[in-house]
Amino acid sequence: MIPPITLYGMMTCEHCQAAKAYLEKRHIPFTFVNVDVLMGQERNDAMEVLNKAAMFPAFPTIMIGEKSVVGFDPDKIDAILKECEAA
């Protein structure tokens, strides 16, 4: 079973848009968090997740359950999804 997927990105980031298009094309359900527009506690919460995934916030960051993919790496995304489906 595939865990919840969250894509943290920015509207001006072409790699974020490529990751979003990749997930949409494969009909993989995900939540897109547009970090550009977050404010207050929502932004703090998102930054906390991003800082845990990498040593600094990087975009896109894709959380697949507890696992993260920093940057747009289709092979890594597919590997994690395949691992989840096998479990």
N, C-alpha and C. Protein backbone atom coordinates (compact mmCIF):
# COMPACT_ATOMS: atom_id res chain seq x y z
N MET A 1 0.85 -1.18 0.00
CA MET A 1 0.00 0.00 0.00
C MET A 1 0.89 1.25 0.00
N ILE A 2 0.53 2.20 -0.82
CA ILE A 2 1.30 3.42 -0.91
C ILE A 2 0.87 4.37 0.21
N PRO A 3 1.84 4.85 1.00
CA PRO A 3 1.50 5.80 2.06
C PRO A 3 1.19 7.17 1.48
N PRO A 4 0.70 8.09 2.30
CA PRO A 4 0.43 9.45 1.81
C PRO A 4 1.71 10.07 1.23
N ILE A 5 1.52 10.81 0.14
CA ILE A 5 2.63 11.47 -0.52
C ILE A 5 2.39 12.97 -0.48
N THR A 6 3.41 13.70 -0.07
CA THR A 6 3.35 15.16 -0.05
C THR A 6 4.52 15.71 -0.84
N LEU A 7 4.22 16.58 -1.79
CA LEU A 7 5.23 17.25 -2.59
C LEU A 7 5.34 18.68 -2.11
N TYR A 8 6.49 19.03 -1.54
CA TYR A 8 6.76 20.40 -1.12
C TYR A 8 7.49 21.09 -2.26
N GLY A 9 6.92 22.17 -2.75
CA GLY A 9 7.53 22.85 -3.88
C GLY A 9 7.21 24.32 -3.91
N MET A 10 7.71 24.93 -4.96
CA MET A 10 7.48 26.35 -5.21
C MET A 10 6.97 26.50 -6.63
N MET A 11 6.08 27.43 -6.84
CA MET A 11 5.48 27.61 -8.17
C MET A 11 6.51 28.02 -9.22
N THR A 12 7.58 28.67 -8.82
CA THR A 12 8.58 29.16 -9.78
C THR A 12 9.69 28.15 -10.05
N CYS A 13 9.61 26.98 -9.43
CA CYS A 13 10.66 25.96 -9.53
C CYS A 13 10.30 24.97 -10.65
N GLU A 14 11.11 24.93 -11.70
CA GLU A 14 10.80 24.03 -12.81
C GLU A 14 10.94 22.56 -12.41
N HIS A 15 11.83 22.25 -11.49
CA HIS A 15 11.97 20.86 -11.03
C HIS A 15 10.76 20.45 -10.21
N CYS A 16 10.21 21.38 -9.47
CA CYS A 16 8.99 21.11 -8.69
C CYS A 16 7.83 20.83 -9.65
N GLN A 17 7.73 21.61 -10.70
CA GLN A 17 6.66 21.42 -11.67
C GLN A 17 6.83 20.10 -12.41
N ALA A 18 8.08 19.71 -12.68
CA ALA A 18 8.34 18.42 -13.34
C ALA A 18 7.94 17.26 -12.43
N ALA A 19 8.25 17.38 -11.14
CA ALA A 19 7.88 16.33 -10.18
C ALA A 19 6.36 16.22 -10.09
N LYS A 20 5.70 17.35 -10.04
CA LYS A 20 4.24 17.39 -9.97
C LYS A 20 3.63 16.73 -11.21
N ALA A 21 4.15 17.07 -12.38
CA ALA A 21 3.65 16.50 -13.63
C ALA A 21 3.91 14.99 -13.68
N TYR A 22 5.05 14.57 -13.17
CA TYR A 22 5.40 13.15 -13.16
C TYR A 22 4.40 12.35 -12.32
N LEU A 23 4.10 12.83 -11.13
CA LEU A 23 3.14 12.14 -10.27
C LEU A 23 1.74 12.16 -10.90
N GLU A 24 1.34 13.29 -11.46
CA GLU A 24 0.02 13.39 -12.08
C GLU A 24 -0.10 12.45 -13.27
N LYS A 25 0.93 12.39 -14.11
CA LYS A 25 0.92 11.54 -15.30
C LYS A 25 0.77 10.07 -14.92
N ARG A 26 1.34 9.68 -13.79
CA ARG A 26 1.28 8.30 -13.33
C ARG A 26 0.05 8.04 -12.46
N HIS A 27 -0.79 9.05 -12.29
CA HIS A 27 -2.02 8.95 -11.49
C HIS A 27 -1.73 8.53 -10.06
N ILE A 28 -0.66 9.09 -9.50
CA ILE A 28 -0.29 8.83 -8.12
C ILE A 28 -0.86 9.95 -7.27
N PRO A 29 -1.74 9.63 -6.33
CA PRO A 29 -2.32 10.69 -5.50
C PRO A 29 -1.27 11.32 -4.58
N PHE A 30 -1.32 12.64 -4.50
CA PHE A 30 -0.38 13.38 -3.65
C PHE A 30 -0.99 14.71 -3.27
N THR A 31 -0.40 15.29 -2.25
CA THR A 31 -0.78 16.63 -1.82
C THR A 31 0.37 17.55 -2.19
N PHE A 32 0.05 18.67 -2.83
CA PHE A 32 1.07 19.66 -3.18
C PHE A 32 1.03 20.78 -2.15
N VAL A 33 2.17 21.02 -1.53
CA VAL A 33 2.29 22.13 -0.58
C VAL A 33 3.12 23.21 -1.26
N ASN A 34 2.47 24.30 -1.58
CA ASN A 34 3.12 25.43 -2.24
C ASN A 34 3.77 26.29 -1.16
N VAL A 35 5.04 26.07 -0.94
CA VAL A 35 5.75 26.74 0.15
C VAL A 35 5.81 28.25 -0.05
N ASP A 36 5.71 28.71 -1.31
CA ASP A 36 5.74 30.15 -1.62
C ASP A 36 4.69 30.94 -0.84
N VAL A 37 3.54 30.34 -0.63
CA VAL A 37 2.42 31.10 -0.08
C VAL A 37 2.13 30.80 1.39
N LEU A 38 2.90 29.91 1.99
CA LEU A 38 2.65 29.59 3.39
C LEU A 38 3.10 30.73 4.30
N MET A 39 2.39 30.89 5.38
CA MET A 39 2.74 31.93 6.35
C MET A 39 2.56 31.37 7.76
N GLY A 40 3.19 32.01 8.71
CA GLY A 40 2.99 31.67 10.11
C GLY A 40 3.33 30.24 10.45
N GLN A 41 2.47 29.60 11.23
CA GLN A 41 2.73 28.25 11.71
C GLN A 41 2.78 27.23 10.58
N GLU A 42 1.95 27.43 9.55
CA GLU A 42 1.98 26.51 8.40
C GLU A 42 3.37 26.49 7.76
N ARG A 43 3.94 27.66 7.60
CA ARG A 43 5.29 27.76 7.01
C ARG A 43 6.32 27.12 7.96
N ASN A 44 6.20 27.40 9.24
CA ASN A 44 7.13 26.80 10.22
C ASN A 44 7.05 25.28 10.18
N ASP A 45 5.84 24.74 10.10
CA ASP A 45 5.66 23.28 10.05
C ASP A 45 6.29 22.70 8.78
N ALA A 46 6.07 23.36 7.65
CA ALA A 46 6.65 22.88 6.39
C ALA A 46 8.17 22.94 6.45
N MET A 47 8.72 24.01 6.97
CA MET A 47 10.17 24.15 7.06
C MET A 47 10.78 23.10 7.97
N GLU A 48 10.06 22.72 9.01
CA GLU A 48 10.54 21.67 9.91
C GLU A 48 10.65 20.34 9.16
N VAL A 49 9.64 20.02 8.37
CA VAL A 49 9.69 18.79 7.56
C VAL A 49 10.85 18.85 6.58
N LEU A 50 11.01 19.99 5.91
CA LEU A 50 12.07 20.13 4.91
C LEU A 50 13.44 20.04 5.55
N ASN A 51 13.61 20.62 6.71
CA ASN A 51 14.91 20.57 7.40
C ASN A 51 15.25 19.16 7.87
N LYS A 52 14.23 18.36 8.20
CA LYS A 52 14.48 16.97 8.59
C LYS A 52 14.85 16.11 7.38
N ALA A 53 14.28 16.43 6.22
CA ALA A 53 14.53 15.64 5.01
C ALA A 53 15.93 15.88 4.45
N ALA A 54 16.44 17.09 4.63
CA ALA A 54 17.78 17.45 4.14
C ALA A 54 18.38 18.42 5.15
N MET A 55 19.64 18.70 4.99
CA MET A 55 20.29 19.61 5.94
C MET A 55 19.82 21.05 5.77
N PHE A 56 19.15 21.32 4.66
CA PHE A 56 18.60 22.65 4.39
C PHE A 56 17.39 22.46 3.49
N PRO A 57 16.47 23.39 3.49
CA PRO A 57 15.30 23.25 2.62
C PRO A 57 15.72 23.21 1.15
N ALA A 58 15.23 22.21 0.44
CA ALA A 58 15.51 22.05 -0.98
C ALA A 58 14.20 21.71 -1.69
N PHE A 59 14.11 22.14 -2.92
CA PHE A 59 12.87 21.93 -3.67
C PHE A 59 13.16 21.25 -4.99
N PRO A 60 12.30 20.31 -5.35
CA PRO A 60 11.19 19.78 -4.57
C PRO A 60 11.68 18.81 -3.50
N THR A 61 10.90 18.65 -2.48
CA THR A 61 11.08 17.57 -1.52
C THR A 61 9.78 16.79 -1.52
N ILE A 62 9.91 15.50 -1.75
CA ILE A 62 8.74 14.63 -1.83
C ILE A 62 8.80 13.67 -0.66
N MET A 63 7.79 13.73 0.18
CA MET A 63 7.68 12.82 1.31
C MET A 63 6.74 11.69 0.91
N ILE A 64 7.25 10.46 0.98
CA ILE A 64 6.45 9.27 0.70
C ILE A 64 6.40 8.52 2.03
N GLY A 65 5.34 8.74 2.77
CA GLY A 65 5.29 8.25 4.14
C GLY A 65 6.39 8.94 4.92
N GLU A 66 7.29 8.16 5.51
CA GLU A 66 8.41 8.72 6.28
C GLU A 66 9.67 8.88 5.45
N LYS A 67 9.65 8.42 4.21
CA LYS A 67 10.83 8.50 3.35
C LYS A 67 10.78 9.77 2.52
N SER A 68 11.95 10.28 2.19
CA SER A 68 11.99 11.53 1.43
C SER A 68 12.84 11.39 0.17
N VAL A 69 12.45 12.15 -0.83
CA VAL A 69 13.23 12.31 -2.05
C VAL A 69 13.47 13.80 -2.18
N VAL A 70 14.72 14.18 -2.11
CA VAL A 70 15.08 15.60 -2.22
C VAL A 70 15.56 15.83 -3.64
N GLY A 71 14.88 16.74 -4.34
CA GLY A 71 15.14 16.95 -5.76
C GLY A 71 14.22 16.04 -6.56
N PHE A 72 14.16 16.27 -7.85
CA PHE A 72 13.30 15.45 -8.71
C PHE A 72 14.14 14.28 -9.23
N ASP A 73 13.88 13.11 -8.67
CA ASP A 73 14.62 11.89 -9.01
C ASP A 73 13.60 10.78 -9.25
N PRO A 74 13.15 10.64 -10.51
CA PRO A 74 12.12 9.63 -10.81
C PRO A 74 12.52 8.22 -10.41
N ASP A 75 13.79 7.86 -10.58
CA ASP A 75 14.22 6.51 -10.21
C ASP A 75 14.05 6.26 -8.71
N LYS A 76 14.40 7.24 -7.91
CA LYS A 76 14.27 7.10 -6.46
C LYS A 76 12.79 7.06 -6.05
N ILE A 77 11.98 7.89 -6.69
CA ILE A 77 10.54 7.88 -6.41
C ILE A 77 9.98 6.50 -6.72
N ASP A 78 10.30 5.98 -7.90
CA ASP A 78 9.79 4.67 -8.31
C ASP A 78 10.27 3.56 -7.37
N ALA A 79 11.52 3.63 -6.93
CA ALA A 79 12.07 2.61 -6.04
C ALA A 79 11.32 2.59 -4.70
N ILE A 80 11.06 3.77 -4.16
CA ILE A 80 10.34 3.84 -2.88
C ILE A 80 8.90 3.34 -3.06
N LEU A 81 8.25 3.74 -4.15
CA LEU A 81 6.87 3.29 -4.40
C LEU A 81 6.81 1.78 -4.57
N LYS A 82 7.78 1.23 -5.29
CA LYS A 82 7.82 -0.22 -5.50
C LYS A 82 8.03 -0.94 -4.17
N GLU A 83 8.90 -0.39 -3.34
CA GLU A 83 9.14 -0.96 -2.02
C GLU A 83 7.87 -0.94 -1.17
N CYS A 84 7.13 0.16 -1.25
CA CYS A 84 5.87 0.29 -0.49
C CYS A 84 4.83 -0.71 -0.98
N GLU A 85 4.74 -0.90 -2.28
CA GLU A 85 3.76 -1.82 -2.84
C GLU A 85 4.07 -3.26 -2.48
N ALA A 86 5.35 -3.57 -2.33
CA ALA A 86 5.77 -4.93 -1.99
C ALA A 86 5.54 -5.25 -0.51
N ALA A 87 5.48 -4.22 0.29
CA ALA A 87 5.35 -4.43 1.76
C ALA A 87 3.95 -4.85 2.15
